[in-house]
């Protein structure tokens, strides 16, 4: 083999390495990767915010640990690690702490996470796409930008009875907790009026938080 042929073969070899590294192997996606690709980041973000700002504080108020068996436990969030390495320095400055790159929008850094840090998805055995629970968490009501652009055309989320029956079976067992005050219902917690938590008084009676779906 002469030197020109050797040089050509070497270039092709290294080019193949670069392409494989950029695009990844041809191996089929595993269960976690498939879920990450199909899971909506914006809806997951809204569902995550609802859980963090409304649901989790109720457990803290009652001095209870959030059940590990509940699909809403943050350890099961498919994007938990990726969200943890995203930092917003200002309105137009987002930083990826995994590699140091900066972006002008959350949309741009989300694309970066999908393209460059796909390995940072959660590997929990019970990994969950929080966006799948938007119907029961009423994401469209609590986040106007998810409902027909930037406008809300209804006061409550549209319900599909069959979907809600399935979601109720998934959530009713591990996510029910005893709390105060009495007659505190799930629909009250997820109403558009989010100023509920400051009104919680010291527990005098035990009341079930129920999923009224």
C-alpha atoms as a PDB file:
ATOM      1  CA  UNK A   1       0.000   0.000   0.000  1.00  0.00           C
ATOM      2  CA  UNK A   2       1.564   3.312  -1.063  1.00  0.00           C
ATOM      3  CA  UNK A   3       1.614   6.410   1.146  1.00  0.00           C
ATOM      4  CA  UNK A   4      -1.277   8.167  -0.635  1.00  0.00           C
ATOM      5  CA  UNK A   5      -3.547   5.161  -0.262  1.00  0.00           C
ATOM      6  CA  UNK A   6      -2.559   4.771   3.386  1.00  0.00           C
ATOM      7  CA  UNK A   7      -3.292   8.458   4.023  1.00  0.00           C
ATOM      8  CA  UNK A   8      -6.684   8.138   2.327  1.00  0.00           C
ATOM      9  CA  UNK A   9      -7.640   5.049   4.351  1.00  0.00           C
ATOM     10  CA  UNK A  10      -6.533   6.759   7.541  1.00  0.00           C
ATOM     11  CA  UNK A  11      -8.662   9.832   6.800  1.00  0.00           C
ATOM     12  CA  UNK A  12     -11.697   7.658   6.076  1.00  0.00           C
ATOM     13  CA  UNK A  13     -11.121   5.759   9.328  1.00  0.00           C
ATOM     14  CA  UNK A  14     -10.951   8.882  11.484  1.00  0.00           C
ATOM     15  CA  UNK A  15     -13.872  10.444   9.627  1.00  0.00           C
ATOM     16  CA  UNK A  16     -15.935   7.374  10.506  1.00  0.00           C
ATOM     17  CA  UNK A  17     -14.965   7.751  14.171  1.00  0.00           C
ATOM     18  CA  UNK A  18     -16.069  11.397  14.201  1.00  0.00           C
ATOM     19  CA  UNK A  19     -19.401  10.607  12.521  1.00  0.00           C
ATOM     20  CA  UNK A  20     -20.100   7.723  14.885  1.00  0.00           C
ATOM     21  CA  UNK A  21     -19.265   9.889  17.860  1.00  0.00           C
ATOM     22  CA  UNK A  22     -21.570  12.675  16.703  1.00  0.00           C
ATOM     23  CA  UNK A  23     -24.524  10.536  15.723  1.00  0.00           C
ATOM     24  CA  UNK A  24     -24.096   7.716  18.170  1.00  0.00           C
ATOM     25  CA  UNK A  25     -24.242   4.012  17.498  1.00  0.00           C
ATOM     26  CA  UNK A  26     -26.957   2.298  15.507  1.00  0.00           C
ATOM     27  CA  UNK A  27     -28.016   0.317  18.565  1.00  0.00           C
ATOM     28  CA  UNK A  28     -31.756   0.562  19.326  1.00  0.00           C
ATOM     29  CA  UNK A  29     -32.842   2.994  22.045  1.00  0.00           C
ATOM     30  CA  UNK A  30     -33.495   1.493  25.451  1.00  0.00           C
ATOM     31  CA  UNK A  31     -36.671   2.144  27.450  1.00  0.00           C
ATOM     32  CA  UNK A  32     -35.299   5.253  29.182  1.00  0.00           C
ATOM     33  CA  UNK A  33     -34.010   6.814  25.957  1.00  0.00           C
ATOM     34  CA  UNK A  34     -37.290   6.141  24.151  1.00  0.00           C
ATOM     35  CA  UNK A  35     -39.228   7.831  26.950  1.00  0.00           C
ATOM     36  CA  UNK A  36     -36.886  10.853  26.906  1.00  0.00           C
ATOM     37  CA  UNK A  37     -37.374  11.318  23.158  1.00  0.00           C
ATOM     38  CA  UNK A  38     -41.177  11.150  23.351  1.00  0.00           C
ATOM     39  CA  UNK A  39     -41.605  13.170  26.580  1.00  0.00           C
ATOM     40  CA  UNK A  40     -42.605  16.832  26.193  1.00  0.00           C
ATOM     41  CA  UNK A  41     -40.140  19.067  28.020  1.00  0.00           C
ATOM     42  CA  UNK A  42     -42.436  22.136  28.281  1.00  0.00           C
ATOM     43  CA  UNK A  43     -45.333  20.108  29.682  1.00  0.00           C
ATOM     44  CA  UNK A  44     -42.983  18.202  31.995  1.00  0.00           C
ATOM     45  CA  UNK A  45     -41.667  21.542  33.252  1.00  0.00           C
ATOM     46  CA  UNK A  46     -45.186  22.741  34.029  1.00  0.00           C
ATOM     47  CA  UNK A  47     -46.108  19.485  35.764  1.00  0.00           C
ATOM     48  CA  UNK A  48     -42.838  19.620  37.740  1.00  0.00           C
ATOM     49  CA  UNK A  49     -43.583  23.171  38.877  1.00  0.00           C
ATOM     50  CA  UNK A  50     -47.098  22.198  39.992  1.00  0.00           C
ATOM     51  CA  UNK A  51     -45.731  19.290  42.010  1.00  0.00           C
ATOM     52  CA  UNK A  52     -42.936  21.351  43.568  1.00  0.00           C
ATOM     53  CA  UNK A  53     -45.072  24.379  44.407  1.00  0.00           C
ATOM     54  CA  UNK A  54     -48.366  22.758  45.398  1.00  0.00           C
ATOM     55  CA  UNK A  55     -48.133  19.021  46.083  1.00  0.00           C
ATOM     56  CA  UNK A  56     -44.720  18.538  47.732  1.00  0.00           C
ATOM     57  CA  UNK A  57     -45.219  21.375  50.280  1.00  0.00           C
ATOM     58  CA  UNK A  58     -48.321  19.592  51.576  1.00  0.00           C
ATOM     59  CA  UNK A  59     -46.201  16.599  52.504  1.00  0.00           C
ATOM     60  CA  UNK A  60     -43.641  18.893  54.148  1.00  0.00           C
ATOM     61  CA  UNK A  61     -46.431  20.624  56.063  1.00  0.00           C
ATOM     62  CA  UNK A  62     -47.638  17.252  57.365  1.00  0.00           C
ATOM     63  CA  UNK A  63     -44.023  16.213  58.119  1.00  0.00           C
ATOM     64  CA  UNK A  64     -44.328  13.228  55.807  1.00  0.00           C
ATOM     65  CA  UNK A  65     -41.828  11.826  53.341  1.00  0.00           C
ATOM     66  CA  UNK A  66     -42.994  11.850  49.747  1.00  0.00           C
ATOM     67  CA  UNK A  67     -43.656   8.163  48.896  1.00  0.00           C
ATOM     68  CA  UNK A  68     -40.951   6.595  46.759  1.00  0.00           C
ATOM     69  CA  UNK A  69     -43.649   4.425  45.181  1.00  0.00           C
ATOM     70  CA  UNK A  70     -45.472   7.505  43.880  1.00  0.00           C
ATOM     71  CA  UNK A  71     -44.702   8.282  40.214  1.00  0.00           C
ATOM     72  CA  UNK A  72     -44.608  11.989  41.169  1.00  0.00           C
ATOM     73  CA  UNK A  73     -41.528  11.516  43.340  1.00  0.00           C
ATOM     74  CA  UNK A  74     -38.773  13.655  41.794  1.00  0.00           C
ATOM     75  CA  UNK A  75     -36.314  10.736  41.700  1.00  0.00           C
ATOM     76  CA  UNK A  76     -38.405   9.234  38.892  1.00  0.00           C
ATOM     77  CA  UNK A  77     -38.381  12.401  36.739  1.00  0.00           C
ATOM     78  CA  UNK A  78     -36.826  11.478  33.377  1.00  0.00           C
ATOM     79  CA  UNK A  79     -35.284  14.983  33.066  1.00  0.00           C
ATOM     80  CA  UNK A  80     -34.263  15.390  36.724  1.00  0.00           C
ATOM     81  CA  UNK A  81     -30.483  15.418  36.127  1.00  0.00           C
ATOM     82  CA  UNK A  82     -30.654  17.568  32.991  1.00  0.00           C
ATOM     83  CA  UNK A  83     -32.821  20.143  34.753  1.00  0.00           C
ATOM     84  CA  UNK A  84     -30.356  20.245  37.651  1.00  0.00           C
ATOM     85  CA  UNK A  85     -27.452  21.309  35.405  1.00  0.00           C
ATOM     86  CA  UNK A  86     -29.438  24.118  33.715  1.00  0.00           C
ATOM     87  CA  UNK A  87     -28.808  27.558  35.239  1.00  0.00           C
ATOM     88  CA  UNK A  88     -30.587  30.770  34.253  1.00  0.00           C
ATOM     89  CA  UNK A  89     -28.221  33.687  34.833  1.00  0.00           C
ATOM     90  CA  UNK A  90     -30.575  36.261  33.290  1.00  0.00           C
ATOM     91  CA  UNK A  91     -33.581  36.472  30.981  1.00  0.00           C
ATOM     92  CA  UNK A  92     -31.392  35.809  27.908  1.00  0.00           C
ATOM     93  CA  UNK A  93     -28.563  33.823  29.452  1.00  0.00           C
ATOM     94  CA  UNK A  94     -28.870  30.111  30.148  1.00  0.00           C
ATOM     95  CA  UNK A  95     -25.818  28.073  31.164  1.00  0.00           C
ATOM     96  CA  UNK A  96     -25.186  24.346  30.912  1.00  0.00           C
ATOM     97  CA  UNK A  97     -23.139  23.348  33.940  1.00  0.00           C
ATOM     98  CA  UNK A  98     -22.336  20.002  32.360  1.00  0.00           C
ATOM     99  CA  UNK A  99     -20.118  21.585  29.685  1.00  0.00           C
ATOM    100  CA  UNK A 100     -20.101  25.340  30.307  1.00  0.00           C
ATOM    101  CA  UNK A 101     -21.889  26.373  27.097  1.00  0.00           C
ATOM    102  CA  UNK A 102     -24.363  29.270  27.210  1.00  0.00           C
ATOM    103  CA  UNK A 103     -27.627  29.867  25.368  1.00  0.00           C
ATOM    104  CA  UNK A 104     -30.059  32.720  24.804  1.00  0.00           C
ATOM    105  CA  UNK A 105     -33.230  30.777  25.639  1.00  0.00           C
ATOM    106  CA  UNK A 106     -34.480  27.777  27.546  1.00  0.00           C
ATOM    107  CA  UNK A 107     -35.651  26.278  24.276  1.00  0.00           C
ATOM    108  CA  UNK A 108     -32.078  26.398  22.961  1.00  0.00           C
ATOM    109  CA  UNK A 109     -30.581  24.797  26.059  1.00  0.00           C
ATOM    110  CA  UNK A 110     -33.275  22.106  25.984  1.00  0.00           C
ATOM    111  CA  UNK A 111     -32.208  21.226  22.427  1.00  0.00           C
ATOM    112  CA  UNK A 112     -28.615  21.135  23.645  1.00  0.00           C
ATOM    113  CA  UNK A 113     -29.576  18.705  26.415  1.00  0.00           C
ATOM    114  CA  UNK A 114     -31.295  16.416  23.936  1.00  0.00           C
ATOM    115  CA  UNK A 115     -28.451  16.527  21.415  1.00  0.00           C
ATOM    116  CA  UNK A 116     -25.346  16.619  23.630  1.00  0.00           C
ATOM    117  CA  UNK A 117     -26.291  15.303  27.045  1.00  0.00           C
ATOM    118  CA  UNK A 118     -28.758  12.518  26.308  1.00  0.00           C
ATOM    119  CA  UNK A 119     -26.745  10.390  28.739  1.00  0.00           C
ATOM    120  CA  UNK A 120     -27.906  12.595  31.628  1.00  0.00           C
ATOM    121  CA  UNK A 121     -31.470  11.283  31.692  1.00  0.00           C
ATOM    122  CA  UNK A 122     -32.710   9.577  34.833  1.00  0.00           C
ATOM    123  CA  UNK A 123     -32.119   5.838  35.027  1.00  0.00           C
ATOM    124  CA  UNK A 124     -34.611   5.163  37.786  1.00  0.00           C
ATOM    125  CA  UNK A 125     -36.307   1.747  37.426  1.00  0.00           C
ATOM    126  CA  UNK A 126     -39.656   3.543  37.650  1.00  0.00           C
ATOM    127  CA  UNK A 127     -38.677   6.476  35.454  1.00  0.00           C
ATOM    128  CA  UNK A 128     -41.597   8.793  34.689  1.00  0.00           C
ATOM    129  CA  UNK A 129     -42.480  11.428  32.109  1.00  0.00           C
ATOM    130  CA  UNK A 130     -44.243  14.072  34.202  1.00  0.00           C
ATOM    131  CA  UNK A 131     -45.919  15.429  31.051  1.00  0.00           C
ATOM    132  CA  UNK A 132     -48.057  12.296  30.940  1.00  0.00           C
ATOM    133  CA  UNK A 133     -49.768  13.501  34.119  1.00  0.00           C
ATOM    134  CA  UNK A 134     -50.676  16.938  32.769  1.00  0.00           C
ATOM    135  CA  UNK A 135     -54.344  15.940  32.299  1.00  0.00           C
ATOM    136  CA  UNK A 136     -54.726  15.192  35.999  1.00  0.00           C
ATOM    137  CA  UNK A 137     -52.499  18.094  37.101  1.00  0.00           C
ATOM    138  CA  UNK A 138     -54.451  20.486  34.841  1.00  0.00           C
ATOM    139  CA  UNK A 139     -51.384  21.955  33.171  1.00  0.00           C
ATOM    140  CA  UNK A 140     -53.464  23.830  30.572  1.00  0.00           C
ATOM    141  CA  UNK A 141     -55.335  25.687  33.314  1.00  0.00           C
ATOM    142  CA  UNK A 142     -52.334  26.516  35.472  1.00  0.00           C
ATOM    143  CA  UNK A 143     -50.027  27.384  32.581  1.00  0.00           C
ATOM    144  CA  UNK A 144     -51.724  29.511  29.878  1.00  0.00           C
ATOM    145  CA  UNK A 145     -48.902  29.081  27.377  1.00  0.00           C
ATOM    146  CA  UNK A 146     -49.808  25.400  27.018  1.00  0.00           C
ATOM    147  CA  UNK A 147     -53.376  26.099  25.959  1.00  0.00           C
ATOM    148  CA  UNK A 148     -53.803  27.247  22.345  1.00  0.00           C
ATOM    149  CA  UNK A 149     -50.737  29.439  22.194  1.00  0.00           C
ATOM    150  CA  UNK A 150     -50.831  32.156  24.847  1.00  0.00           C
ATOM    151  CA  UNK A 151     -54.583  32.246  25.553  1.00  0.00           C
ATOM    152  CA  UNK A 152     -56.778  30.146  27.780  1.00  0.00           C
ATOM    153  CA  UNK A 153     -60.117  29.264  26.215  1.00  0.00           C
ATOM    154  CA  UNK A 154     -61.621  27.401  29.134  1.00  0.00           C
ATOM    155  CA  UNK A 155     -61.715  27.512  32.905  1.00  0.00           C
ATOM    156  CA  UNK A 156     -61.028  23.825  33.404  1.00  0.00           C
ATOM    157  CA  UNK A 157     -59.081  21.265  31.402  1.00  0.00           C
ATOM    158  CA  UNK A 158     -61.008  19.035  29.039  1.00  0.00           C
ATOM    159  CA  UNK A 159     -61.358  15.531  30.384  1.00  0.00           C
ATOM    160  CA  UNK A 160     -61.312  12.190  28.638  1.00  0.00           C
ATOM    161  CA  UNK A 161     -63.055   9.754  30.961  1.00  0.00           C
ATOM    162  CA  UNK A 162     -61.053   6.694  29.902  1.00  0.00           C
ATOM    163  CA  UNK A 163     -57.720   8.490  30.323  1.00  0.00           C
ATOM    164  CA  UNK A 164     -58.699   9.763  33.741  1.00  0.00           C
ATOM    165  CA  UNK A 165     -59.714   6.306  34.926  1.00  0.00           C
ATOM    166  CA  UNK A 166     -56.267   4.985  34.018  1.00  0.00           C
ATOM    167  CA  UNK A 167     -54.517   7.924  35.694  1.00  0.00           C
ATOM    168  CA  UNK A 168     -56.618   7.535  38.817  1.00  0.00           C
ATOM    169  CA  UNK A 169     -55.617   3.884  39.148  1.00  0.00           C
ATOM    170  CA  UNK A 170     -51.939   4.849  38.785  1.00  0.00           C
ATOM    171  CA  UNK A 171     -52.008   7.667  41.326  1.00  0.00           C
ATOM    172  CA  UNK A 172     -54.763   7.057  43.855  1.00  0.00           C
ATOM    173  CA  UNK A 173     -52.879   4.481  45.922  1.00  0.00           C
ATOM    174  CA  UNK A 174     -49.343   5.784  46.488  1.00  0.00           C
ATOM    175  CA  UNK A 175     -50.168   9.522  46.320  1.00  0.00           C
ATOM    176  CA  UNK A 176     -52.981   9.815  48.863  1.00  0.00           C
ATOM    177  CA  UNK A 177     -51.944  11.427  52.140  1.00  0.00           C
ATOM    178  CA  UNK A 178     -53.686  12.442  55.363  1.00  0.00           C
ATOM    179  CA  UNK A 179     -53.669  16.202  55.858  1.00  0.00           C
ATOM    180  CA  UNK A 180     -55.487  19.130  57.397  1.00  0.00           C
ATOM    181  CA  UNK A 181     -57.759  21.093  57.153  1.00  0.00           C
ATOM    182  CA  UNK A 182     -60.901  18.967  56.674  1.00  0.00           C
ATOM    183  CA  UNK A 183     -62.614  18.695  53.302  1.00  0.00           C
ATOM    184  CA  UNK A 184     -59.427  19.470  51.396  1.00  0.00           C
ATOM    185  CA  UNK A 185     -59.894  18.017  47.956  1.00  0.00           C
ATOM    186  CA  UNK A 186     -57.532  17.443  45.072  1.00  0.00           C
ATOM    187  CA  UNK A 187     -59.476  19.849  42.852  1.00  0.00           C
ATOM    188  CA  UNK A 188     -59.035  22.566  45.481  1.00  0.00           C
ATOM    189  CA  UNK A 189     -55.266  22.103  45.451  1.00  0.00           C
ATOM    190  CA  UNK A 190     -55.052  22.368  41.679  1.00  0.00           C
ATOM    191  CA  UNK A 191     -57.443  25.258  41.206  1.00  0.00           C
ATOM    192  CA  UNK A 192     -56.159  28.324  39.339  1.00  0.00           C
ATOM    193  CA  UNK A 193     -56.070  30.123  42.692  1.00  0.00           C
ATOM    194  CA  UNK A 194     -52.655  28.981  43.937  1.00  0.00           C
ATOM    195  CA  UNK A 195     -52.803  30.997  47.185  1.00  0.00           C
ATOM    196  CA  UNK A 196     -53.826  27.955  49.209  1.00  0.00           C
ATOM    197  CA  UNK A 197     -50.766  26.917  51.196  1.00  0.00           C
ATOM    198  CA  UNK A 198     -50.544  30.046  53.399  1.00  0.00           C
ATOM    199  CA  UNK A 199     -54.086  29.326  54.609  1.00  0.00           C
ATOM    200  CA  UNK A 200     -53.202  25.901  56.009  1.00  0.00           C
ATOM    201  CA  UNK A 201     -53.541  25.964  59.779  1.00  0.00           C
ATOM    202  CA  UNK A 202     -51.987  23.663  62.363  1.00  0.00           C
ATOM    203  CA  UNK A 203     -53.471  20.206  61.968  1.00  0.00           C
ATOM    204  CA  UNK A 204     -56.390  19.640  64.308  1.00  0.00           C
ATOM    205  CA  UNK A 205     -58.294  17.105  62.263  1.00  0.00           C
ATOM    206  CA  UNK A 206     -57.072  14.609  59.708  1.00  0.00           C
ATOM    207  CA  UNK A 207     -58.582  14.864  56.246  1.00  0.00           C
ATOM    208  CA  UNK A 208     -57.899  12.952  53.091  1.00  0.00           C
ATOM    209  CA  UNK A 209     -56.538  14.666  50.037  1.00  0.00           C
ATOM    210  CA  UNK A 210     -58.600  12.940  47.393  1.00  0.00           C
ATOM    211  CA  UNK A 211     -58.341  12.818  43.658  1.00  0.00           C
ATOM    212  CA  UNK A 212     -61.742  13.966  42.542  1.00  0.00           C
ATOM    213  CA  UNK A 213     -61.493  12.987  38.902  1.00  0.00           C
END
